[in-house]
Amino acid sequence: MTWDLGEWTDDTAMAIPILDELAAGNDVRTPESQGRIVRRWVEWHEGAKDVGIQTRAVLSRVKGQAAQRYGDIYKTPDAELAKISRDAAALVHHSRGHSGGNGSLMRTSPIAIGYLNDTQALVEAARAVSELTHLEEDAGDGCVIWCLAIRHAVVTGQLDVRIGLTALDPERRALWAGRIDHAETVRPSEIENNGWVVAALQASVSAIKRGQGLQDTLEEAVRAGYDTDTVAAITGQLSGAQWGASAVPAEWARALHGWPGVTGKYLVDKAEKLVP
């Protein structure tokens, strides 16, 4: 499987339906909005060059269940499609004993921008959208931590990867504080299994800790290896919020394109609708 120069992968592709829902003024905490997101994910995954293992298992089951009950995903009511997705995520989680892949963290950033003025809604939305495909608590925690850090960077101009820890229960807060502390002491390439949400977040924290500016930070992330596009996407969510769109090299911005047949300008235009 080959990618064109500047073509985004599944990370950005899965974020776009979330971004579109928010830019349309919809609340992604509602089942109706979540169902519309899931429908577009199913459409995307059928022709995608690469889909995460957990995500593919869930979306394939969603397609099958929707066809069995309603004929296809288009005849399935929005709220019902969200329920089917949650049920599929639970089934996959329990059949495998885990669902802590990085596939929900990689797509979470639009939620941070969509709820800049309501942190409680942000927390609820981040976890709810994560659970459409990833039931494991680590996945939801990671999305909450990252979205709150992105929001903080946008609103204050300051970087604080720990700002979101306050939204977790005390036991989970202490666990994640230790994970972040460790990440800041090692290089991204020293963190193994970055397909796991915890390791992916740690690798991103490590890259941000070491990088000098947006471009250098993203290069640090890419050098992590293994699931490198996802680590770079996660890193770019927060580092981009810290440094701003003007820090993106012009040649990178010009080359950006991907599913569903749009360019980087599309993402900018949609994101600008969300910023007060």
C-alpha atoms as a PDB file:
ATOM      1  CA  MET A   1       0.000   0.000   0.000  1.00  0.00           C
ATOM      2  CA  THR A   2       1.472   3.334  -1.030  1.00  0.00           C
ATOM      3  CA  TRP A   3       0.649   6.892  -0.087  1.00  0.00           C
ATOM      4  CA  ASP A   4       1.020  10.029  -2.154  1.00  0.00           C
ATOM      5  CA  LEU A   5       3.268  12.834  -0.953  1.00  0.00           C
ATOM      6  CA  GLY A   6       1.264  14.861   1.549  1.00  0.00           C
ATOM      7  CA  GLU A   7      -1.622  12.387   1.710  1.00  0.00           C
ATOM      8  CA  TRP A   8      -3.006  11.981   5.204  1.00  0.00           C
ATOM      9  CA  THR A   9      -3.697   8.567   6.661  1.00  0.00           C
ATOM     10  CA  ASP A  10      -6.473   7.115   8.802  1.00  0.00           C
ATOM     11  CA  ASP A  11      -5.706   9.477  11.678  1.00  0.00           C
ATOM     12  CA  THR A  12      -6.906  12.597   9.874  1.00  0.00           C
ATOM     13  CA  ALA A  13      -9.513  10.750   7.820  1.00  0.00           C
ATOM     14  CA  MET A  14     -11.330   9.620  10.968  1.00  0.00           C
ATOM     15  CA  ALA A  15     -11.122  13.086  12.505  1.00  0.00           C
ATOM     16  CA  ILE A  16     -12.859  14.740   9.550  1.00  0.00           C
ATOM     17  CA  PRO A  17     -16.404  13.443  10.246  1.00  0.00           C
ATOM     18  CA  ILE A  18     -16.053  14.706  13.830  1.00  0.00           C
ATOM     19  CA  LEU A  19     -14.790  18.062  12.585  1.00  0.00           C
ATOM     20  CA  ASP A  20     -17.628  18.325  10.070  1.00  0.00           C
ATOM     21  CA  GLU A  21     -20.283  17.584  12.701  1.00  0.00           C
ATOM     22  CA  LEU A  22     -18.904  20.217  15.038  1.00  0.00           C
ATOM     23  CA  ALA A  23     -18.483  22.794  12.263  1.00  0.00           C
ATOM     24  CA  ALA A  24     -22.150  22.256  11.376  1.00  0.00           C
ATOM     25  CA  GLY A  25     -23.060  23.314  14.915  1.00  0.00           C
ATOM     26  CA  ASN A  26     -23.936  19.852  16.187  1.00  0.00           C
ATOM     27  CA  ASP A  27     -23.235  18.449  19.644  1.00  0.00           C
ATOM     28  CA  VAL A  28     -21.271  15.218  19.253  1.00  0.00           C
ATOM     29  CA  ARG A  29     -22.452  14.063  22.663  1.00  0.00           C
ATOM     30  CA  THR A  30     -25.853  13.268  21.146  1.00  0.00           C
ATOM     31  CA  PRO A  31     -26.581   9.814  19.687  1.00  0.00           C
ATOM     32  CA  GLU A  32     -27.833  11.398  16.479  1.00  0.00           C
ATOM     33  CA  SER A  33     -24.571  13.223  15.854  1.00  0.00           C
ATOM     34  CA  GLN A  34     -22.536  10.168  16.819  1.00  0.00           C
ATOM     35  CA  GLY A  35     -24.536   8.045  14.388  1.00  0.00           C
ATOM     36  CA  ARG A  36     -23.737  10.391  11.521  1.00  0.00           C
ATOM     37  CA  ILE A  37     -20.055  10.207  12.423  1.00  0.00           C
ATOM     38  CA  VAL A  38     -20.159   6.414  12.513  1.00  0.00           C
ATOM     39  CA  ARG A  39     -21.895   6.263   9.124  1.00  0.00           C
ATOM     40  CA  ARG A  40     -19.092   8.240   7.522  1.00  0.00           C
ATOM     41  CA  TRP A  41     -16.477   6.105   9.247  1.00  0.00           C
ATOM     42  CA  VAL A  42     -18.076   3.002   7.751  1.00  0.00           C
ATOM     43  CA  GLU A  43     -18.096   4.643   4.311  1.00  0.00           C
ATOM     44  CA  TRP A  44     -14.438   5.576   4.687  1.00  0.00           C
ATOM     45  CA  HIS A  45     -13.226   2.210   5.979  1.00  0.00           C
ATOM     46  CA  GLU A  46     -14.610   0.299   3.005  1.00  0.00           C
ATOM     47  CA  GLY A  47     -12.052   1.851   0.661  1.00  0.00           C
ATOM     48  CA  ALA A  48      -9.364   2.969   3.109  1.00  0.00           C
ATOM     49  CA  LYS A  49      -5.726   2.116   2.476  1.00  0.00           C
ATOM     50  CA  ASP A  50      -5.183   1.370   6.147  1.00  0.00           C
ATOM     51  CA  VAL A  51      -7.526   0.867   9.102  1.00  0.00           C
ATOM     52  CA  GLY A  52      -6.537   0.005  12.662  1.00  0.00           C
ATOM     53  CA  ILE A  53      -7.285  -3.549  13.805  1.00  0.00           C
ATOM     54  CA  GLN A  54      -9.701  -2.521  16.563  1.00  0.00           C
ATOM     55  CA  THR A  55     -11.442   0.061  14.405  1.00  0.00           C
ATOM     56  CA  ARG A  56     -11.827  -2.301  11.457  1.00  0.00           C
ATOM     57  CA  ALA A  57     -13.351  -4.989  13.658  1.00  0.00           C
ATOM     58  CA  VAL A  58     -15.905  -2.568  15.087  1.00  0.00           C
ATOM     59  CA  LEU A  59     -16.850  -0.852  11.829  1.00  0.00           C
ATOM     60  CA  SER A  60     -17.151  -4.142   9.955  1.00  0.00           C
ATOM     61  CA  ARG A  61     -19.558  -5.364  12.595  1.00  0.00           C
ATOM     62  CA  VAL A  62     -21.500  -2.090  12.479  1.00  0.00           C
ATOM     63  CA  LYS A  63     -21.954  -2.476   8.738  1.00  0.00           C
ATOM     64  CA  GLY A  64     -23.140  -6.061   9.128  1.00  0.00           C
ATOM     65  CA  GLN A  65     -25.527  -5.353  11.982  1.00  0.00           C
ATOM     66  CA  ALA A  66     -27.010  -2.319  10.229  1.00  0.00           C
ATOM     67  CA  ALA A  67     -27.572  -4.368   7.077  1.00  0.00           C
ATOM     68  CA  GLN A  68     -29.173  -7.186   9.049  1.00  0.00           C
ATOM     69  CA  ARG A  69     -31.556  -4.940  10.977  1.00  0.00           C
ATOM     70  CA  TYR A  70     -32.329  -2.114   8.553  1.00  0.00           C
ATOM     71  CA  GLY A  71     -30.980  -3.055   5.125  1.00  0.00           C
ATOM     72  CA  ASP A  72     -27.870  -0.841   5.163  1.00  0.00           C
ATOM     73  CA  ILE A  73     -26.213   1.996   7.081  1.00  0.00           C
ATOM     74  CA  TYR A  74     -28.190   4.630   5.178  1.00  0.00           C
ATOM     75  CA  LYS A  75     -31.557   3.242   6.234  1.00  0.00           C
ATOM     76  CA  THR A  76     -30.431   2.926   9.845  1.00  0.00           C
ATOM     77  CA  PRO A  77     -31.574   5.829  12.083  1.00  0.00           C
ATOM     78  CA  ASP A  78     -28.676   7.967  13.295  1.00  0.00           C
ATOM     79  CA  ALA A  79     -29.150   7.258  16.997  1.00  0.00           C
ATOM     80  CA  GLU A  80     -29.546   3.549  16.335  1.00  0.00           C
ATOM     81  CA  LEU A  81     -26.312   3.489  14.354  1.00  0.00           C
ATOM     82  CA  ALA A  82     -24.491   5.003  17.331  1.00  0.00           C
ATOM     83  CA  LYS A  83     -25.947   2.294  19.578  1.00  0.00           C
ATOM     84  CA  ILE A  84     -24.900  -0.424  17.149  1.00  0.00           C
ATOM     85  CA  SER A  85     -21.371   0.997  17.170  1.00  0.00           C
ATOM     86  CA  ARG A  86     -21.198   1.079  20.966  1.00  0.00           C
ATOM     87  CA  ASP A  87     -22.483  -2.475  21.145  1.00  0.00           C
ATOM     88  CA  ALA A  88     -19.924  -3.563  18.561  1.00  0.00           C
ATOM     89  CA  ALA A  89     -17.130  -1.835  20.488  1.00  0.00           C
ATOM     90  CA  ALA A  90     -18.207  -3.625  23.670  1.00  0.00           C
ATOM     91  CA  LEU A  91     -18.368  -6.989  21.922  1.00  0.00           C
ATOM     92  CA  VAL A  92     -14.907  -6.591  20.400  1.00  0.00           C
ATOM     93  CA  HIS A  93     -13.515  -5.379  23.723  1.00  0.00           C
ATOM     94  CA  HIS A  94     -14.884  -8.314  25.695  1.00  0.00           C
ATOM     95  CA  SER A  95     -13.997 -10.905  23.061  1.00  0.00           C
ATOM     96  CA  ARG A  96     -10.372  -9.746  22.985  1.00  0.00           C
ATOM     97  CA  GLY A  97     -10.063  -8.665  26.592  1.00  0.00           C
ATOM     98  CA  HIS A  98      -8.826  -5.212  25.643  1.00  0.00           C
ATOM     99  CA  SER A  99      -9.458  -2.286  23.286  1.00  0.00           C
ATOM    100  CA  GLY A 100      -6.731   0.154  24.228  1.00  0.00           C
ATOM    101  CA  GLY A 101      -5.363   0.887  20.787  1.00  0.00           C
ATOM    102  CA  ASN A 102      -4.475   4.434  19.776  1.00  0.00           C
ATOM    103  CA  GLY A 103      -7.285   4.679  17.212  1.00  0.00           C
ATOM    104  CA  SER A 104      -9.567   6.958  19.196  1.00  0.00           C
ATOM    105  CA  LEU A 105      -6.812   9.263  20.455  1.00  0.00           C
ATOM    106  CA  MET A 106      -5.530   9.898  16.938  1.00  0.00           C
ATOM    107  CA  ARG A 107      -8.869  11.429  15.833  1.00  0.00           C
ATOM    108  CA  THR A 108      -9.856  13.340  18.971  1.00  0.00           C
ATOM    109  CA  SER A 109      -8.522  16.863  18.345  1.00  0.00           C
ATOM    110  CA  PRO A 110     -11.640  18.425  16.725  1.00  0.00           C
ATOM    111  CA  ILE A 111     -13.456  17.927  20.022  1.00  0.00           C
ATOM    112  CA  ALA A 112     -10.984  20.203  21.796  1.00  0.00           C
ATOM    113  CA  ILE A 113     -11.703  23.021  19.364  1.00  0.00           C
ATOM    114  CA  GLY A 114     -15.425  22.343  19.285  1.00  0.00           C
ATOM    115  CA  TYR A 115     -15.825  22.804  23.034  1.00  0.00           C
ATOM    116  CA  LEU A 116     -13.348  25.564  23.824  1.00  0.00           C
ATOM    117  CA  ASN A 117     -15.857  27.339  26.067  1.00  0.00           C
ATOM    118  CA  ASP A 118     -17.221  24.310  27.931  1.00  0.00           C
ATOM    119  CA  THR A 119     -14.672  21.996  29.505  1.00  0.00           C
ATOM    120  CA  GLN A 120     -17.280  19.680  31.025  1.00  0.00           C
ATOM    121  CA  ALA A 121     -18.899  19.166  27.632  1.00  0.00           C
ATOM    122  CA  LEU A 122     -15.429  18.633  26.156  1.00  0.00           C
ATOM    123  CA  VAL A 123     -14.678  15.872  28.660  1.00  0.00           C
ATOM    124  CA  GLU A 124     -18.018  14.179  28.027  1.00  0.00           C
ATOM    125  CA  ALA A 125     -17.666  14.414  24.250  1.00  0.00           C
ATOM    126  CA  ALA A 126     -14.076  13.169  24.185  1.00  0.00           C
ATOM    127  CA  ARG A 127     -14.931  10.037  26.131  1.00  0.00           C
ATOM    128  CA  ALA A 128     -18.238   9.401  24.352  1.00  0.00           C
ATOM    129  CA  VAL A 129     -16.738   9.583  20.857  1.00  0.00           C
ATOM    130  CA  SER A 130     -13.796   7.432  21.944  1.00  0.00           C
ATOM    131  CA  GLU A 131     -16.200   4.746  23.157  1.00  0.00           C
ATOM    132  CA  LEU A 132     -17.844   4.458  19.751  1.00  0.00           C
ATOM    133  CA  THR A 133     -14.939   2.171  18.850  1.00  0.00           C
ATOM    134  CA  HIS A 134     -12.685   1.825  21.914  1.00  0.00           C
ATOM    135  CA  LEU A 135     -14.290   0.844  25.205  1.00  0.00           C
ATOM    136  CA  GLU A 136     -11.127   0.592  27.292  1.00  0.00           C
ATOM    137  CA  GLU A 137     -10.750   3.254  29.987  1.00  0.00           C
ATOM    138  CA  ASP A 138      -7.193   4.091  28.931  1.00  0.00           C
ATOM    139  CA  ALA A 139      -8.472   5.124  25.492  1.00  0.00           C
ATOM    140  CA  GLY A 140     -11.089   7.461  26.935  1.00  0.00           C
ATOM    141  CA  ASP A 141      -8.627   8.872  29.465  1.00  0.00           C
ATOM    142  CA  GLY A 142      -6.112   9.592  26.739  1.00  0.00           C
ATOM    143  CA  CYS A 143      -8.677  11.502  24.700  1.00  0.00           C
ATOM    144  CA  VAL A 144      -9.736  13.567  27.711  1.00  0.00           C
ATOM    145  CA  ILE A 145      -6.153  14.399  28.695  1.00  0.00           C
ATOM    146  CA  TRP A 146      -5.163  15.353  25.173  1.00  0.00           C
ATOM    147  CA  CYS A 147      -8.270  17.388  24.363  1.00  0.00           C
ATOM    148  CA  LEU A 148      -7.940  19.422  27.540  1.00  0.00           C
ATOM    149  CA  ALA A 149      -4.257  20.041  26.805  1.00  0.00           C
ATOM    150  CA  ILE A 150      -5.114  21.168  23.258  1.00  0.00           C
ATOM    151  CA  ARG A 151      -7.854  23.457  24.542  1.00  0.00           C
ATOM    152  CA  HIS A 152      -5.487  24.956  27.116  1.00  0.00           C
ATOM    153  CA  ALA A 153      -2.855  25.644  24.453  1.00  0.00           C
ATOM    154  CA  VAL A 154      -5.391  27.314  22.154  1.00  0.00           C
ATOM    155  CA  VAL A 155      -6.965  29.446  24.878  1.00  0.00           C
ATOM    156  CA  THR A 156      -3.844  30.443  26.818  1.00  0.00           C
ATOM    157  CA  GLY A 157      -0.975  29.912  24.399  1.00  0.00           C
ATOM    158  CA  GLN A 158       0.682  27.761  27.069  1.00  0.00           C
ATOM    159  CA  LEU A 159       1.658  24.102  26.879  1.00  0.00           C
ATOM    160  CA  ASP A 160       0.603  21.920  29.816  1.00  0.00           C
ATOM    161  CA  VAL A 161       0.134  18.217  29.109  1.00  0.00           C
ATOM    162  CA  ARG A 162      -0.943  17.654  32.716  1.00  0.00           C
ATOM    163  CA  ILE A 163      -3.832  20.138  32.713  1.00  0.00           C
ATOM    164  CA  GLY A 164      -6.303  17.381  31.853  1.00  0.00           C
ATOM    165  CA  LEU A 165      -5.350  15.126  34.748  1.00  0.00           C
ATOM    166  CA  THR A 166      -7.784  16.971  37.000  1.00  0.00           C
ATOM    167  CA  ALA A 167     -10.677  15.551  34.964  1.00  0.00           C
ATOM    168  CA  LEU A 168      -9.768  11.988  35.977  1.00  0.00           C
ATOM    169  CA  ASP A 169     -10.569  10.115  39.163  1.00  0.00           C
ATOM    170  CA  PRO A 170      -7.739  10.366  41.745  1.00  0.00           C
ATOM    171  CA  GLU A 171      -6.462   6.834  41.136  1.00  0.00           C
ATOM    172  CA  ARG A 172      -6.418   7.272  37.369  1.00  0.00           C
ATOM    173  CA  ARG A 173      -4.885  10.732  37.792  1.00  0.00           C
ATOM    174  CA  ALA A 174      -1.926   9.320  39.704  1.00  0.00           C
ATOM    175  CA  LEU A 175      -1.459   6.536  37.161  1.00  0.00           C
ATOM    176  CA  TRP A 176      -1.380   8.935  34.231  1.00  0.00           C
ATOM    177  CA  ALA A 177       0.842  11.429  36.052  1.00  0.00           C
ATOM    178  CA  GLY A 178       3.441   8.692  36.406  1.00  0.00           C
ATOM    179  CA  ARG A 179       3.102   7.768  32.755  1.00  0.00           C
ATOM    180  CA  ILE A 180       3.657  11.363  31.653  1.00  0.00           C
ATOM    181  CA  ASP A 181       6.588  11.785  34.049  1.00  0.00           C
ATOM    182  CA  HIS A 182       8.260   8.732  32.518  1.00  0.00           C
ATOM    183  CA  ALA A 183       7.626   9.925  28.962  1.00  0.00           C
ATOM    184  CA  GLU A 184       9.540  13.123  29.616  1.00  0.00           C
ATOM    185  CA  THR A 185      12.675  11.172  30.599  1.00  0.00           C
ATOM    186  CA  VAL A 186      13.040   9.090  27.420  1.00  0.00           C
ATOM    187  CA  ARG A 187      13.102   9.568  23.655  1.00  0.00           C
ATOM    188  CA  PRO A 188      10.038   8.668  21.543  1.00  0.00           C
ATOM    189  CA  SER A 189      11.885   5.709  20.015  1.00  0.00           C
ATOM    190  CA  GLU A 190      12.510   4.265  23.483  1.00  0.00           C
ATOM    191  CA  ILE A 191       8.785   3.866  24.148  1.00  0.00           C
ATOM    192  CA  GLU A 192       7.684   0.457  22.902  1.00  0.00           C
ATOM    193  CA  ASN A 193       4.338  -0.619  21.448  1.00  0.00           C
ATOM    194  CA  ASN A 194       3.100   2.820  20.439  1.00  0.00           C
ATOM    195  CA  GLY A 195       0.056   1.215  18.864  1.00  0.00           C
ATOM    196  CA  TRP A 196      -1.224   1.171  22.466  1.00  0.00           C
ATOM    197  CA  VAL A 197      -2.931   4.422  23.423  1.00  0.00           C
ATOM    198  CA  VAL A 198      -0.774   4.946  26.505  1.00  0.00           C
ATOM    199  CA  ALA A 199       2.504   4.455  24.655  1.00  0.00           C
ATOM    200  CA  ALA A 200       1.312   6.610  21.742  1.00  0.00           C
ATOM    201  CA  LEU A 201       0.483   9.458  24.108  1.00  0.00           C
ATOM    202  CA  GLN A 202       3.797   8.988  25.914  1.00  0.00           C
ATOM    203  CA  ALA A 203       5.743   9.064  22.643  1.00  0.00           C
ATOM    204  CA  SER A 204       3.956  12.288  21.726  1.00  0.00           C
ATOM    205  CA  VAL A 205       4.741  13.832  25.107  1.00  0.00           C
ATOM    206  CA  SER A 206       8.377  12.833  24.644  1.00  0.00           C
ATOM    207  CA  ALA A 207       8.531  14.419  21.181  1.00  0.00           C
ATOM    208  CA  ILE A 208       6.935  17.633  22.413  1.00  0.00           C
ATOM    209  CA  LYS A 209       9.322  17.768  25.375  1.00  0.00           C
ATOM    210  CA  ARG A 210      12.335  17.530  23.063  1.00  0.00           C
ATOM    211  CA  GLY A 211      11.208  19.392  19.969  1.00  0.00           C
ATOM    212  CA  GLN A 212      12.176  22.968  19.201  1.00  0.00           C
ATOM    213  CA  GLY A 213       9.264  24.362  17.224  1.00  0.00           C
ATOM    214  CA  LEU A 214       6.558  22.535  15.302  1.00  0.00           C
ATOM    215  CA  GLN A 215       8.649  21.045  12.508  1.00  0.00           C
ATOM    216  CA  ASP A 216      11.373  19.729  14.801  1.00  0.00           C
ATOM    217  CA  THR A 217       8.759  18.303  17.176  1.00  0.00           C
ATOM    218  CA  LEU A 218       7.010  16.413  14.385  1.00  0.00           C
ATOM    219  CA  GLU A 219      10.321  15.059  13.134  1.00  0.00           C
ATOM    220  CA  GLU A 220      11.026  13.785  16.652  1.00  0.00           C
ATOM    221  CA  ALA A 221       7.641  12.032  16.587  1.00  0.00           C
ATOM    222  CA  VAL A 222       8.208  10.456  13.179  1.00  0.00           C
ATOM    223  CA  ARG A 223      11.501   9.010  14.376  1.00  0.00           C
ATOM    224  CA  ALA A 224       9.622   7.055  17.044  1.00  0.00           C
ATOM    225  CA  GLY A 225       9.096   4.318  14.470  1.00  0.00           C
ATOM    226  CA  TYR A 226       6.420   1.592  14.315  1.00  0.00           C
ATOM    227  CA  ASP A 227       3.004   3.366  14.240  1.00  0.00           C
ATOM    228  CA  THR A 228       4.807   6.535  13.332  1.00  0.00           C
ATOM    229  CA  ASP A 229       2.024   8.287  11.391  1.00  0.00           C
ATOM    230  CA  THR A 230      -0.304   8.040  14.364  1.00  0.00           C
ATOM    231  CA  VAL A 231       2.292   9.219  16.868  1.00  0.00           C
ATOM    232  CA  ALA A 232       3.016  12.169  14.579  1.00  0.00           C
ATOM    233  CA  ALA A 233      -0.702  12.923  14.197  1.00  0.00           C
ATOM    234  CA  ILE A 234      -1.239  12.894  17.956  1.00  0.00           C
ATOM    235  CA  THR A 235       1.861  15.015  18.474  1.00  0.00           C
ATOM    236  CA  GLY A 236       0.729  17.456  15.812  1.00  0.00           C
ATOM    237  CA  GLN A 237      -2.635  17.941  17.505  1.00  0.00           C
ATOM    238  CA  LEU A 238      -1.068  19.442  20.607  1.00  0.00           C
ATOM    239  CA  SER A 239       2.082  20.900  19.100  1.00  0.00           C
ATOM    240  CA  GLY A 240      -0.040  22.543  16.414  1.00  0.00           C
ATOM    241  CA  ALA A 241      -2.240  24.088  19.083  1.00  0.00           C
ATOM    242  CA  GLN A 242       0.887  25.362  20.816  1.00  0.00           C
ATOM    243  CA  TRP A 243       2.654  26.840  17.777  1.00  0.00           C
ATOM    244  CA  GLY A 244      -0.287  27.711  15.525  1.00  0.00           C
ATOM    245  CA  ALA A 245      -1.044  27.162  11.848  1.00  0.00           C
ATOM    246  CA  SER A 246       1.545  29.722  10.769  1.00  0.00           C
ATOM    247  CA  ALA A 247       4.263  27.359  12.011  1.00  0.00           C
ATOM    248  CA  VAL A 248       3.375  24.731   9.398  1.00  0.00           C
ATOM    249  CA  PRO A 249       5.925  24.903   6.554  1.00  0.00           C
ATOM    250  CA  ALA A 250       4.275  26.221   3.386  1.00  0.00           C
ATOM    251  CA  GLU A 251       5.401  23.243   1.321  1.00  0.00           C
ATOM    252  CA  TRP A 252       3.753  20.877   3.811  1.00  0.00           C
ATOM    253  CA  ALA A 253       0.506  22.825   3.766  1.00  0.00           C
ATOM    254  CA  ARG A 254       0.381  22.896  -0.039  1.00  0.00           C
ATOM    255  CA  ALA A 255       0.844  19.130  -0.295  1.00  0.00           C
ATOM    256  CA  LEU A 256      -1.839  18.150   2.231  1.00  0.00           C
ATOM    257  CA  HIS A 257      -4.758  16.150   0.866  1.00  0.00           C
ATOM    258  CA  GLY A 258      -6.737  12.999   1.448  1.00  0.00           C
ATOM    259  CA  TRP A 259     -10.101  11.380   2.082  1.00  0.00           C
ATOM    260  CA  PRO A 260     -12.794  12.473   1.284  1.00  0.00           C
ATOM    261  CA  GLY A 261     -11.091  14.208  -1.645  1.00  0.00           C
ATOM    262  CA  VAL A 262     -10.194  17.474   0.065  1.00  0.00           C
ATOM    263  CA  THR A 263      -7.067  19.477   0.865  1.00  0.00           C
ATOM    264  CA  GLY A 264      -5.557  21.035   3.951  1.00  0.00           C
ATOM    265  CA  LYS A 265      -7.468  24.249   3.278  1.00  0.00           C
ATOM    266  CA  TYR A 266     -10.687  22.349   3.926  1.00  0.00           C
ATOM    267  CA  LEU A 267      -9.466  21.478   7.417  1.00  0.00           C
ATOM    268  CA  VAL A 268      -8.452  25.069   8.109  1.00  0.00           C
ATOM    269  CA  ASP A 269     -11.796  26.445   6.933  1.00  0.00           C
ATOM    270  CA  LYS A 270     -13.745  24.001   9.082  1.00  0.00           C
ATOM    271  CA  ALA A 271     -11.574  24.586  12.151  1.00  0.00           C
ATOM    272  CA  GLU A 272     -11.936  28.349  11.849  1.00  0.00           C
ATOM    273  CA  LYS A 273     -15.707  27.973  12.142  1.00  0.00           C
ATOM    274  CA  LEU A 274     -15.201  26.501  15.604  1.00  0.00           C
ATOM    275  CA  VAL A 275     -12.916  29.170  17.042  1.00  0.00           C
ATOM    276  CA  PRO A 276     -14.896  31.990  18.731  1.00  0.00           C
END
